[in-house]
Amino acid sequence: MPWYQDFFGEDYMRFHLLGGEREDQRAPMECDFVVNALALQPGARVLDLCCGQGRHSVELSQRGYRVTGIDLSDYLLGHARDRAAAAGVEAEFVRGDMRDLPWTDEFDAAVNMFTSFGYLENDEENERVLHAVRRALRPGGRFLLDLPTRERMAVWHDPRDWYEHEDCIVLDTNDWDAARGLWRHERVIVEPDGARRRYDFTVRVYCHPEIVAMLTRAGLEWQQTCSDYEQSDYGADSRRMLIITHKPPGGEDGTPPPSPK
């Protein structure tokens, strides 16, 4: 079974998102960037790809945008629906595979936030996601892809770390495969009674030219890359790539539609 099919469950919320409160506090600022970078018009339809527990979906819904979040994890979608209900908004949440989005020409914009790309088995499968996004966007629709930089990953990772949380011990091991651009992470959770659970994930981390080439092959035109949510210029020392693209106006393949007869 691929790691991403069971990774995003109760333990993910309990341990992986130990900074969850801080993440929630950042959501308004991150959505400010989304609105400005994608030039969202009032009432725009927005697709939150890999929406997780819905922190961006709900924040955008509170601003009057019509948001659909899609994720593979039933557990996280349950949290997203609870969050939307608590906020009094009507965001839609759908379980689905990001490679096979069930929409064509539906959305004014799409976002993929918080390193939710590069999970799949190979580059071809990852690129399928971008083709699916292009299909789901209306002509002229914009797409924001939020990724770590490969340069940063090459120098940042603690090979081993451990800490205590809720009477448990959490053991983390990280490995960076520079030749293939793969970040591998292993987490072992040791409960007070000695019981252990292990989770592994592998993320393909792309350099900027690689990901822009993939977006281009998928029919999305690159517009701009920022290094943070303050819209700082992207550079060699940037920690993240906030890549803004759009689906060309015209037909499904980017060519102008035929003239009406």
Protein backbone atom coordinates (compact mmCIF):
# COMPACT_ATOMS: atom_id res chain seq x y z
CA MET A 1 0.00 0.00 0.00
CA PRO A 2 1.40 3.45 -0.87
CA TRP A 3 2.44 5.35 2.25
CA TYR A 4 0.06 8.24 1.63
CA GLN A 5 -3.06 6.04 1.86
CA ASP A 6 -2.82 5.55 5.63
CA PHE A 7 -0.34 8.22 6.79
CA PHE A 8 -2.84 11.08 7.17
CA GLY A 9 -4.87 9.75 10.06
CA GLU A 10 -5.15 10.29 13.81
CA ASP A 11 -1.41 10.08 14.45
CA TYR A 12 -0.77 12.67 11.76
CA MET A 13 -3.01 15.17 13.53
CA ARG A 14 -1.68 14.17 16.93
CA PHE A 15 2.07 14.20 16.22
CA HIS A 16 2.97 15.39 12.76
CA LEU A 17 1.09 18.66 13.21
CA LEU A 18 2.45 19.58 16.62
CA GLY A 19 2.58 23.14 15.33
CA GLY A 20 -1.06 22.95 14.25
CA GLU A 21 -2.12 25.98 16.28
CA ARG A 22 0.61 28.06 14.67
CA GLU A 23 -0.44 26.77 11.25
CA ASP A 24 -4.00 27.87 11.94
CA GLN A 25 -2.79 31.31 12.96
CA ARG A 26 -0.95 31.63 9.66
CA ALA A 27 -3.94 30.69 7.51
CA PRO A 28 -5.33 34.26 7.17
CA MET A 29 -1.95 35.60 6.02
CA GLU A 30 -1.48 32.71 3.60
CA CYS A 31 -4.95 33.27 2.17
CA ASP A 32 -4.20 36.98 1.76
CA PHE A 33 -1.41 35.85 -0.55
CA VAL A 34 -3.72 33.44 -2.40
CA VAL A 35 -6.31 36.15 -3.04
CA ASN A 36 -3.72 38.64 -4.29
CA ALA A 37 -1.49 36.26 -6.25
CA LEU A 38 -4.40 34.57 -8.04
CA ALA A 39 -6.37 37.82 -8.45
CA LEU A 40 -9.49 36.17 -7.04
CA GLN A 41 -12.70 37.97 -7.86
CA PRO A 42 -15.65 38.03 -5.42
CA GLY A 43 -17.47 34.71 -5.42
CA ALA A 44 -14.76 32.91 -7.41
CA ARG A 45 -14.77 29.10 -7.42
CA VAL A 46 -11.59 27.75 -5.81
CA LEU A 47 -10.28 24.18 -5.71
CA ASP A 48 -8.21 23.33 -2.62
CA LEU A 49 -6.20 20.33 -3.79
CA CYS A 50 -5.13 18.08 -0.89
CA CYS A 51 -7.13 20.26 1.47
CA GLY A 52 -6.29 18.22 4.58
CA GLN A 53 -8.11 19.47 7.66
CA GLY A 54 -9.43 22.43 5.69
CA ARG A 55 -7.68 25.41 7.20
CA HIS A 56 -7.33 27.21 3.84
CA SER A 57 -10.69 26.01 2.52
CA VAL A 58 -12.55 27.41 5.50
CA GLU A 59 -10.64 30.68 5.58
CA LEU A 60 -11.35 31.30 1.89
CA SER A 61 -15.00 30.32 2.35
CA GLN A 62 -15.30 32.88 5.14
CA ARG A 63 -14.19 35.49 2.62
CA GLY A 64 -17.05 34.65 0.29
CA TYR A 65 -15.29 32.31 -2.17
CA ARG A 66 -16.99 29.10 -3.28
CA VAL A 67 -14.50 26.46 -2.21
CA THR A 68 -14.27 22.76 -2.97
CA GLY A 69 -11.64 20.82 -1.05
CA ILE A 70 -10.48 17.40 -2.17
CA ASP A 71 -8.34 14.95 -0.21
CA LEU A 72 -7.71 11.21 -0.03
CA SER A 73 -7.99 11.03 3.77
CA ASP A 74 -11.47 10.45 5.19
CA TYR A 75 -10.09 11.30 8.61
CA LEU A 76 -8.82 14.74 7.61
CA LEU A 77 -11.95 15.45 5.58
CA GLY A 78 -13.98 14.80 8.71
CA HIS A 79 -11.97 17.46 10.51
CA ALA A 80 -12.44 19.83 7.56
CA ARG A 81 -16.22 19.39 7.62
CA ASP A 82 -16.29 19.96 11.38
CA ARG A 83 -14.20 23.09 10.99
CA ALA A 84 -16.49 24.44 8.26
CA ALA A 85 -19.58 23.73 10.38
CA ALA A 86 -18.04 25.49 13.37
CA ALA A 87 -17.24 28.51 11.20
CA GLY A 88 -20.73 28.54 9.68
CA VAL A 89 -19.56 28.22 6.06
CA GLU A 90 -20.67 25.87 3.28
CA ALA A 91 -17.38 24.66 1.81
CA GLU A 92 -17.69 21.40 -0.13
CA PHE A 93 -15.35 18.54 0.74
CA VAL A 94 -14.84 15.56 -1.57
CA ARG A 95 -12.79 12.40 -1.15
CA GLY A 96 -10.73 11.69 -4.24
CA ASP A 97 -7.37 11.04 -5.87
CA MET A 98 -5.59 14.19 -7.04
CA ARG A 99 -4.62 12.44 -10.28
CA ASP A 100 -8.24 11.90 -11.29
CA LEU A 101 -10.12 15.10 -10.55
CA PRO A 102 -13.76 14.77 -11.66
CA TRP A 103 -14.10 18.29 -13.06
CA THR A 104 -13.56 20.02 -16.40
CA ASP A 105 -13.47 23.81 -16.80
CA GLU A 106 -15.04 24.29 -13.35
CA PHE A 107 -12.74 26.46 -11.24
CA ASP A 108 -11.44 30.01 -11.43
CA ALA A 109 -8.42 29.04 -9.34
CA ALA A 110 -6.76 26.09 -7.65
CA VAL A 111 -4.26 25.86 -4.80
CA ASN A 112 -1.98 23.08 -3.58
CA MET A 113 -0.47 24.17 -0.27
CA PHE A 114 1.94 22.99 2.43
CA THR A 115 4.08 20.52 0.44
CA SER A 116 1.24 18.33 -0.80
CA PHE A 117 2.85 17.48 -4.15
CA GLY A 118 5.50 14.88 -5.01
CA TYR A 119 3.93 12.03 -3.02
CA LEU A 120 3.32 9.61 -5.87
CA GLU A 121 5.29 6.67 -7.13
CA ASN A 122 7.22 8.38 -9.93
CA ASP A 123 7.51 11.62 -11.89
CA GLU A 124 4.92 10.52 -14.44
CA GLU A 125 2.29 10.01 -11.74
CA ASN A 126 3.12 13.36 -10.15
CA GLU A 127 2.77 15.06 -13.52
CA ARG A 128 -0.68 13.50 -13.97
CA VAL A 129 -1.80 15.70 -11.09
CA LEU A 130 -0.88 18.84 -13.02
CA HIS A 131 -2.78 17.66 -16.10
CA ALA A 132 -5.81 17.03 -13.88
CA VAL A 133 -5.54 20.55 -12.43
CA ARG A 134 -5.39 22.08 -15.89
CA ARG A 135 -8.55 20.20 -16.89
CA ALA A 136 -10.37 21.34 -13.77
CA LEU A 137 -9.54 25.02 -14.33
CA ARG A 138 -11.58 27.30 -16.51
CA PRO A 139 -9.66 28.94 -19.39
CA GLY A 140 -7.61 31.69 -17.80
CA GLY A 141 -7.87 30.07 -14.34
CA ARG A 142 -4.84 30.31 -12.09
CA PHE A 143 -2.98 27.69 -10.03
CA LEU A 144 -0.74 28.15 -6.98
CA LEU A 145 1.72 25.36 -6.16
CA ASP A 146 3.51 25.68 -2.80
CA LEU A 147 6.69 23.59 -2.56
CA PRO A 148 9.98 23.41 -0.65
CA THR A 149 13.11 24.16 -2.66
CA ARG A 150 15.48 21.37 -3.49
CA GLU A 151 18.43 23.59 -2.58
CA ARG A 152 17.02 24.07 0.93
CA MET A 153 16.30 20.38 1.43
CA ALA A 154 19.87 19.52 0.47
CA VAL A 155 21.23 21.41 3.49
CA TRP A 156 18.30 21.23 5.94
CA HIS A 157 17.31 18.05 7.64
CA ASP A 158 18.13 16.57 11.02
CA PRO A 159 19.21 12.98 10.37
CA ARG A 160 17.73 11.96 13.75
CA ASP A 161 15.58 13.65 16.34
CA TRP A 162 13.37 12.64 19.24
CA TYR A 163 11.02 14.29 21.69
CA GLU A 164 8.28 13.52 24.19
CA HIS A 165 4.63 14.38 23.57
CA GLU A 166 1.55 13.32 25.55
CA ASP A 167 3.58 10.70 27.46
CA CYS A 168 4.80 9.22 24.16
CA ILE A 169 8.27 9.25 22.70
CA VAL A 170 8.53 10.23 19.03
CA LEU A 171 11.62 9.17 17.08
CA ASP A 172 12.23 10.80 13.69
CA THR A 173 14.78 9.81 11.06
CA ASN A 174 15.33 11.84 7.87
CA ASP A 175 17.31 10.95 4.78
CA TRP A 176 18.02 13.12 1.73
CA ASP A 177 18.75 11.29 -1.55
CA ALA A 178 20.44 14.06 -3.53
CA ALA A 179 20.83 11.97 -6.68
CA ARG A 180 17.07 11.46 -7.04
CA GLY A 181 15.75 14.45 -5.12
CA LEU A 182 13.92 12.31 -2.57
CA TRP A 183 13.25 13.21 1.04
CA ARG A 184 12.55 10.12 3.15
CA HIS A 185 11.15 10.39 6.65
CA GLU A 186 10.52 7.67 9.23
CA ARG A 187 8.54 8.30 12.41
CA VAL A 188 8.31 5.79 15.26
CA ILE A 189 5.82 6.50 18.07
CA VAL A 190 6.47 4.68 21.34
CA GLU A 191 3.48 4.62 23.71
CA PRO A 192 3.89 4.50 27.53
CA ASP A 193 3.20 0.73 27.51
CA GLY A 194 5.99 0.18 24.98
CA ALA A 195 3.72 -0.32 21.96
CA ARG A 196 5.21 1.08 18.76
CA ARG A 197 3.79 2.40 15.51
CA ARG A 198 5.91 3.29 12.50
CA TYR A 199 5.15 5.59 9.60
CA ASP A 200 7.26 6.31 6.53
CA PHE A 201 6.87 8.89 3.81
CA THR A 202 8.82 9.78 0.71
CA VAL A 203 8.46 13.09 -1.10
CA ARG A 204 9.98 13.93 -4.48
CA VAL A 205 11.45 17.43 -4.19
CA TYR A 206 11.87 19.21 -7.52
CA CYS A 207 14.17 22.03 -8.50
CA HIS A 208 12.55 25.09 -10.07
CA PRO A 209 13.35 24.27 -13.72
CA GLU A 210 12.04 20.71 -13.27
CA ILE A 211 8.68 21.75 -11.87
CA VAL A 212 8.21 24.58 -14.39
CA ALA A 213 8.90 22.11 -17.21
CA MET A 214 6.28 19.73 -15.78
CA LEU A 215 3.73 22.52 -15.48
CA THR A 216 4.43 23.55 -19.07
CA ARG A 217 3.96 19.99 -20.36
CA ALA A 218 0.65 19.91 -18.50
CA GLY A 219 -0.53 22.98 -20.38
CA LEU A 220 -0.08 25.53 -17.60
CA GLU A 221 1.83 28.75 -18.26
CA TRP A 222 4.28 29.98 -15.63
CA GLN A 223 3.74 33.54 -14.44
CA GLN A 224 5.74 34.13 -11.27
CA THR A 225 7.55 32.43 -8.41
CA CYS A 226 7.72 33.93 -4.92
CA SER A 227 9.78 32.69 -1.99
CA ASP A 228 7.25 33.41 0.77
CA TYR A 229 3.77 34.69 1.53
CA GLU A 230 5.05 38.26 1.63
CA GLN A 231 5.65 37.88 -2.14
CA SER A 232 9.44 38.16 -1.83
CA ASP A 233 11.39 37.43 -4.99
CA TYR A 234 12.47 33.85 -5.51
CA GLY A 235 16.24 33.31 -5.34
CA ALA A 236 18.99 30.78 -4.76
CA ASP A 237 18.61 30.94 -0.96
CA SER A 238 14.80 30.71 -0.91
CA ARG A 239 13.27 28.08 1.35
CA ARG A 240 10.08 27.67 -0.65
CA MET A 241 8.72 28.07 -4.17
CA LEU A 242 5.26 29.60 -4.46
CA ILE A 243 4.69 29.04 -8.16
CA ILE A 244 1.85 30.86 -9.91
CA THR A 245 0.64 29.57 -13.28
CA HIS A 246 -2.49 29.87 -15.38
CA LYS A 247 -4.43 27.84 -17.91
CA PRO A 248 -4.27 29.70 -21.22
CA PRO A 249 -7.51 31.18 -22.46
CA GLY A 250 -8.86 29.11 -25.31
CA GLY A 251 -9.48 25.42 -25.81
CA GLU A 252 -8.65 22.47 -23.59
CA ASP A 253 -5.17 22.15 -25.09
CA GLY A 254 -4.42 25.85 -24.90
CA THR A 255 -5.34 26.59 -28.50
CA PRO A 256 -8.10 29.10 -29.28
CA PRO A 257 -11.56 27.54 -29.57
CA PRO A 258 -13.10 27.33 -33.05
CA SER A 259 -15.05 30.32 -34.24
CA PRO A 260 -18.84 29.92 -34.03
CA LYS A 261 -20.53 29.20 -37.36
